[in-house]
């Protein structure tokens, strides 16, 4: 039995109502028995009542329908939306900043 399947089995035993198994390498399905949430759906999954929600790179990439690596390349070249880097290396994007970047990237058809 692999470590991943062992962890999934243990989490299922601790919280049988869990809706989503954790996936290696993603932050969206928080690993832990105390977090039980469903993934939001739709392209505008950020809660409208939270003006400054912090999003992970994977969440922003999913929202923009692009690969996380593409978003990372845009960030490293200075062409992507601004992000916040926390001690320990965690990157987060403010929803309002990403929306402003989208608006500034708009081009009219010639």
N, C-alpha and C. Protein backbone atom coordinates (compact mmCIF):
# COMPACT_ATOMS: atom_id res chain seq x y z
N UNK A 1 0.85 -1.18 0.00
CA UNK A 1 0.00 0.00 0.00
C UNK A 1 0.90 1.24 0.00
N UNK A 2 0.62 2.18 -0.87
CA UNK A 2 1.44 3.38 -0.97
C UNK A 2 1.13 4.34 0.19
N UNK A 3 2.04 5.26 0.40
CA UNK A 3 1.85 6.25 1.46
C UNK A 3 0.62 7.11 1.19
N UNK A 4 0.43 7.48 -0.07
CA UNK A 4 -0.71 8.32 -0.43
C UNK A 4 -2.04 7.62 -0.12
N UNK A 5 -2.14 6.33 -0.48
CA UNK A 5 -3.38 5.61 -0.21
C UNK A 5 -3.56 5.37 1.29
N UNK A 6 -2.46 5.19 2.01
CA UNK A 6 -2.54 5.03 3.47
C UNK A 6 -3.08 6.29 4.13
N UNK A 7 -2.57 7.43 3.68
CA UNK A 7 -3.04 8.71 4.25
C UNK A 7 -4.51 8.91 3.92
N UNK A 8 -4.90 8.61 2.69
CA UNK A 8 -6.30 8.77 2.29
C UNK A 8 -7.21 7.87 3.12
N UNK A 9 -6.78 6.63 3.37
CA UNK A 9 -7.57 5.69 4.16
C UNK A 9 -7.72 6.20 5.59
N UNK A 10 -6.63 6.69 6.19
CA UNK A 10 -6.66 7.19 7.57
C UNK A 10 -7.58 8.41 7.66
N UNK A 11 -7.46 9.33 6.70
CA UNK A 11 -8.33 10.51 6.71
C UNK A 11 -9.79 10.14 6.55
N UNK A 12 -10.07 9.15 5.74
CA UNK A 12 -11.45 8.69 5.55
C UNK A 12 -12.00 8.10 6.83
N UNK A 13 -11.14 7.38 7.58
CA UNK A 13 -11.58 6.80 8.86
C UNK A 13 -11.85 7.90 9.89
N UNK A 14 -11.00 8.95 9.88
CA UNK A 14 -11.17 10.04 10.84
C UNK A 14 -12.38 10.91 10.52
N UNK A 15 -12.67 11.08 9.25
CA UNK A 15 -13.77 11.94 8.83
C UNK A 15 -14.51 11.28 7.67
N UNK A 16 -15.44 10.37 7.95
CA UNK A 16 -16.11 9.65 6.87
C UNK A 16 -16.93 10.53 5.95
N UNK A 17 -17.29 11.73 6.37
CA UNK A 17 -18.08 12.61 5.53
C UNK A 17 -17.24 13.46 4.60
N UNK A 18 -15.95 13.23 4.60
CA UNK A 18 -15.04 14.02 3.77
C UNK A 18 -15.45 13.90 2.30
N UNK A 19 -15.51 15.05 1.61
CA UNK A 19 -16.03 15.06 0.24
C UNK A 19 -14.95 14.88 -0.81
N UNK A 20 -13.71 15.18 -0.48
CA UNK A 20 -12.66 15.08 -1.48
C UNK A 20 -11.39 14.54 -0.86
N UNK A 21 -10.77 13.57 -1.51
CA UNK A 21 -9.51 13.03 -1.02
C UNK A 21 -8.40 14.01 -1.35
N UNK A 22 -7.39 14.16 -0.47
CA UNK A 22 -6.28 15.07 -0.77
C UNK A 22 -5.49 14.56 -1.96
N UNK A 23 -4.98 15.50 -2.72
CA UNK A 23 -4.19 15.16 -3.89
C UNK A 23 -2.79 15.69 -3.69
N UNK A 24 -1.80 14.88 -3.96
CA UNK A 24 -0.42 15.30 -3.78
C UNK A 24 -0.12 16.49 -4.69
N UNK A 25 0.54 17.50 -4.13
CA UNK A 25 0.97 18.64 -4.92
C UNK A 25 -0.08 19.73 -5.09
N UNK A 26 -1.26 19.57 -4.52
CA UNK A 26 -2.25 20.63 -4.63
C UNK A 26 -2.55 21.17 -3.25
N UNK A 27 -2.87 22.45 -3.24
CA UNK A 27 -3.22 23.08 -1.97
C UNK A 27 -4.72 23.20 -1.81
N UNK A 28 -5.46 22.96 -2.87
CA UNK A 28 -6.91 23.16 -2.83
C UNK A 28 -7.60 22.19 -1.89
N UNK A 29 -7.21 20.91 -1.89
CA UNK A 29 -7.82 19.93 -1.00
C UNK A 29 -6.95 19.79 0.22
N UNK A 30 -7.09 20.69 1.19
CA UNK A 30 -6.22 20.71 2.35
C UNK A 30 -6.15 19.33 3.00
N UNK A 31 -4.94 18.91 3.30
CA UNK A 31 -4.75 17.61 3.93
C UNK A 31 -4.92 17.78 5.43
N UNK A 32 -5.80 17.04 6.00
CA UNK A 32 -6.03 17.09 7.44
C UNK A 32 -7.45 16.70 7.76
N UNK A 33 -7.65 16.06 8.90
CA UNK A 33 -8.98 15.59 9.24
C UNK A 33 -9.94 16.70 9.63
N UNK A 34 -9.45 17.90 9.90
CA UNK A 34 -10.31 18.95 10.41
C UNK A 34 -10.83 19.88 9.31
N UNK A 35 -10.38 19.68 8.10
CA UNK A 35 -10.83 20.51 6.99
C UNK A 35 -11.73 19.67 6.11
N UNK A 36 -12.97 20.09 6.00
CA UNK A 36 -13.94 19.36 5.20
C UNK A 36 -14.69 20.38 4.36
N UNK A 37 -14.21 20.60 3.14
CA UNK A 37 -14.86 21.58 2.29
C UNK A 37 -14.87 21.08 0.85
N UNK A 38 -15.84 21.55 0.13
CA UNK A 38 -15.92 21.21 -1.28
C UNK A 38 -15.22 22.30 -2.08
N UNK A 39 -14.69 21.91 -3.23
CA UNK A 39 -14.05 22.87 -4.11
C UNK A 39 -15.13 23.76 -4.72
N UNK A 40 -14.90 25.08 -4.74
CA UNK A 40 -15.85 25.95 -5.40
C UNK A 40 -15.88 25.66 -6.90
N UNK A 41 -16.98 25.96 -7.54
CA UNK A 41 -17.11 25.66 -8.96
C UNK A 41 -17.27 26.94 -9.76
N UNK A 42 -16.94 26.87 -11.02
CA UNK A 42 -17.09 27.99 -11.93
C UNK A 42 -15.85 28.82 -12.03
N UNK A 43 -15.75 29.62 -13.09
CA UNK A 43 -14.55 30.42 -13.29
C UNK A 43 -14.38 31.52 -12.25
N UNK A 44 -15.46 32.00 -11.68
CA UNK A 44 -15.36 33.04 -10.65
C UNK A 44 -15.67 32.42 -9.30
N UNK A 45 -14.78 31.53 -8.86
CA UNK A 45 -15.04 30.77 -7.64
C UNK A 45 -14.75 31.56 -6.39
N UNK A 46 -14.09 32.71 -6.46
CA UNK A 46 -13.79 33.48 -5.27
C UNK A 46 -15.09 34.03 -4.69
N UNK A 47 -15.23 33.94 -3.39
CA UNK A 47 -16.46 34.41 -2.74
C UNK A 47 -16.62 35.91 -2.95
N UNK A 48 -17.78 36.32 -3.38
CA UNK A 48 -18.03 37.72 -3.70
C UNK A 48 -18.07 38.59 -2.45
N UNK A 49 -18.32 38.00 -1.29
CA UNK A 49 -18.42 38.79 -0.06
C UNK A 49 -17.07 38.94 0.64
N UNK A 50 -15.99 38.41 0.06
CA UNK A 50 -14.67 38.54 0.64
C UNK A 50 -13.82 39.41 -0.28
N UNK A 51 -13.65 40.70 0.07
CA UNK A 51 -12.99 41.61 -0.85
C UNK A 51 -11.51 41.31 -1.08
N UNK A 52 -10.82 40.74 -0.15
CA UNK A 52 -9.39 40.50 -0.29
C UNK A 52 -9.04 39.04 -0.05
N UNK A 53 -9.63 38.15 -0.79
CA UNK A 53 -9.32 36.74 -0.62
C UNK A 53 -7.98 36.44 -1.28
N UNK A 54 -7.15 35.67 -0.59
CA UNK A 54 -5.86 35.26 -1.13
C UNK A 54 -6.02 33.93 -1.83
N UNK A 55 -5.50 33.85 -3.06
CA UNK A 55 -5.63 32.65 -3.87
C UNK A 55 -4.25 32.05 -4.13
N UNK A 56 -4.19 30.74 -4.23
CA UNK A 56 -2.93 30.07 -4.56
C UNK A 56 -2.67 30.20 -6.06
N UNK A 57 -1.46 29.88 -6.47
CA UNK A 57 -1.13 29.92 -7.89
C UNK A 57 -2.00 28.93 -8.67
N UNK A 58 -2.24 27.76 -8.09
CA UNK A 58 -3.09 26.77 -8.77
C UNK A 58 -4.51 27.28 -8.94
N UNK A 59 -5.05 27.96 -7.93
CA UNK A 59 -6.41 28.49 -8.03
C UNK A 59 -6.50 29.58 -9.11
N UNK A 60 -5.50 30.46 -9.15
CA UNK A 60 -5.51 31.53 -10.15
C UNK A 60 -5.35 30.94 -11.55
N UNK A 61 -4.46 29.97 -11.68
CA UNK A 61 -4.26 29.33 -12.99
C UNK A 61 -5.54 28.65 -13.46
N UNK A 62 -6.24 27.98 -12.55
CA UNK A 62 -7.51 27.33 -12.91
C UNK A 62 -8.54 28.39 -13.32
N UNK A 63 -8.61 29.47 -12.58
CA UNK A 63 -9.54 30.55 -12.86
C UNK A 63 -9.27 31.13 -14.26
N UNK A 64 -7.98 31.30 -14.61
CA UNK A 64 -7.60 31.89 -15.89
C UNK A 64 -7.49 30.85 -17.00
N UNK A 65 -7.74 29.61 -16.67
CA UNK A 65 -7.68 28.51 -17.64
C UNK A 65 -6.29 28.42 -18.29
N UNK A 66 -5.26 28.41 -17.44
CA UNK A 66 -3.88 28.26 -17.92
C UNK A 66 -3.12 27.37 -16.96
N UNK A 67 -2.00 26.88 -17.40
CA UNK A 67 -1.18 26.01 -16.56
C UNK A 67 -0.50 26.85 -15.47
N UNK A 68 -0.35 26.29 -14.27
CA UNK A 68 0.36 27.02 -13.20
C UNK A 68 1.77 27.44 -13.63
N UNK A 69 2.43 26.61 -14.45
CA UNK A 69 3.77 26.94 -14.93
C UNK A 69 3.75 28.20 -15.80
N UNK A 70 2.71 28.37 -16.60
CA UNK A 70 2.57 29.57 -17.42
C UNK A 70 2.46 30.80 -16.53
N UNK A 71 1.66 30.69 -15.48
CA UNK A 71 1.51 31.80 -14.54
C UNK A 71 2.84 32.10 -13.85
N UNK A 72 3.60 31.05 -13.51
CA UNK A 72 4.91 31.23 -12.90
C UNK A 72 5.87 31.93 -13.87
N UNK A 73 5.82 31.55 -15.14
CA UNK A 73 6.68 32.20 -16.15
C UNK A 73 6.31 33.67 -16.31
N UNK A 74 5.01 33.98 -16.32
CA UNK A 74 4.58 35.37 -16.41
C UNK A 74 5.07 36.17 -15.20
N UNK A 75 5.01 35.56 -14.02
CA UNK A 75 5.46 36.24 -12.79
C UNK A 75 6.97 36.49 -12.84
N UNK A 76 7.74 35.50 -13.29
CA UNK A 76 9.20 35.67 -13.30
C UNK A 76 9.65 36.70 -14.33
N UNK A 77 8.87 36.89 -15.39
CA UNK A 77 9.22 37.89 -16.40
C UNK A 77 8.62 39.26 -16.09
N UNK A 78 7.84 39.36 -15.01
CA UNK A 78 7.24 40.63 -14.61
C UNK A 78 6.00 41.00 -15.40
N UNK A 79 5.42 40.05 -16.15
CA UNK A 79 4.25 40.33 -16.97
C UNK A 79 2.96 39.80 -16.35
N UNK A 80 3.04 39.07 -15.24
CA UNK A 80 1.86 38.49 -14.61
C UNK A 80 1.33 39.38 -13.51
N UNK A 81 0.26 38.95 -12.87
CA UNK A 81 -0.30 39.73 -11.75
C UNK A 81 0.66 39.73 -10.56
N UNK A 82 0.66 40.82 -9.80
CA UNK A 82 1.49 40.90 -8.60
C UNK A 82 1.02 39.86 -7.59
N UNK A 83 1.95 39.37 -6.80
CA UNK A 83 1.63 38.37 -5.78
C UNK A 83 2.31 38.72 -4.47
N UNK A 84 1.90 38.06 -3.43
CA UNK A 84 2.47 38.22 -2.09
C UNK A 84 3.27 36.95 -1.79
N UNK A 85 4.51 37.13 -1.34
CA UNK A 85 5.32 35.97 -0.97
C UNK A 85 5.55 36.00 0.53
N UNK A 86 5.08 34.97 1.21
CA UNK A 86 5.18 34.88 2.66
C UNK A 86 6.48 34.18 3.06
N UNK A 87 6.92 34.40 4.31
CA UNK A 87 8.07 33.64 4.78
C UNK A 87 7.79 32.14 4.65
N UNK A 88 8.75 31.42 4.19
CA UNK A 88 8.55 29.99 3.94
C UNK A 88 8.29 29.72 2.46
N UNK A 89 8.08 30.79 1.68
CA UNK A 89 7.96 30.64 0.24
C UNK A 89 6.55 30.54 -0.32
N UNK A 90 5.52 30.58 0.52
CA UNK A 90 4.15 30.48 0.02
C UNK A 90 3.79 31.73 -0.79
N UNK A 91 3.26 31.50 -2.00
CA UNK A 91 2.81 32.61 -2.86
C UNK A 91 1.30 32.69 -2.82
N UNK A 92 0.78 33.91 -2.76
CA UNK A 92 -0.66 34.11 -2.81
C UNK A 92 -0.95 35.33 -3.68
N UNK A 93 -2.06 35.25 -4.36
CA UNK A 93 -2.51 36.34 -5.22
C UNK A 93 -3.79 36.91 -4.62
N UNK A 94 -3.86 38.26 -4.55
CA UNK A 94 -5.09 38.89 -4.09
C UNK A 94 -6.07 38.93 -5.26
N UNK A 95 -7.29 38.55 -4.98
CA UNK A 95 -8.31 38.46 -6.03
C UNK A 95 -8.47 39.78 -6.77
N UNK A 96 -8.52 40.89 -6.03
CA UNK A 96 -8.70 42.20 -6.65
C UNK A 96 -7.52 42.56 -7.57
N UNK A 97 -6.32 42.17 -7.19
CA UNK A 97 -5.14 42.45 -8.00
C UNK A 97 -5.19 41.65 -9.31
N UNK A 98 -5.62 40.38 -9.22
CA UNK A 98 -5.73 39.56 -10.41
C UNK A 98 -6.80 40.13 -11.34
N UNK A 99 -7.93 40.56 -10.79
CA UNK A 99 -8.99 41.15 -11.61
C UNK A 99 -8.50 42.43 -12.29
N UNK A 100 -7.71 43.25 -11.58
CA UNK A 100 -7.16 44.48 -12.18
C UNK A 100 -6.17 44.13 -13.29
N UNK A 101 -5.38 43.08 -13.10
CA UNK A 101 -4.43 42.64 -14.12
C UNK A 101 -5.18 42.16 -15.37
N UNK A 102 -6.27 41.45 -15.16
CA UNK A 102 -7.08 41.00 -16.30
C UNK A 102 -7.61 42.20 -17.07
N UNK A 103 -8.13 43.19 -16.34
CA UNK A 103 -8.68 44.39 -16.98
C UNK A 103 -7.60 45.15 -17.75
N UNK A 104 -6.38 45.23 -17.20
CA UNK A 104 -5.30 45.95 -17.87
C UNK A 104 -4.74 45.17 -19.06
N UNK A 105 -5.00 43.88 -19.11
CA UNK A 105 -4.51 43.04 -20.21
C UNK A 105 -5.46 43.02 -21.39
N UNK A 106 -6.61 43.64 -21.25
CA UNK A 106 -7.64 43.63 -22.29
C UNK A 106 -7.16 44.41 -23.50
N UNK A 107 -7.35 43.83 -24.68
CA UNK A 107 -6.99 44.48 -25.94
C UNK A 107 -8.23 44.56 -26.82
N UNK A 108 -8.36 45.65 -27.55
CA UNK A 108 -9.52 45.78 -28.43
C UNK A 108 -9.16 45.19 -29.80
N UNK A 109 -10.15 44.67 -30.47
CA UNK A 109 -9.93 44.11 -31.80
C UNK A 109 -9.74 45.25 -32.79
N UNK A 110 -8.74 45.08 -33.64
CA UNK A 110 -8.44 46.15 -34.62
C UNK A 110 -9.11 45.90 -35.94
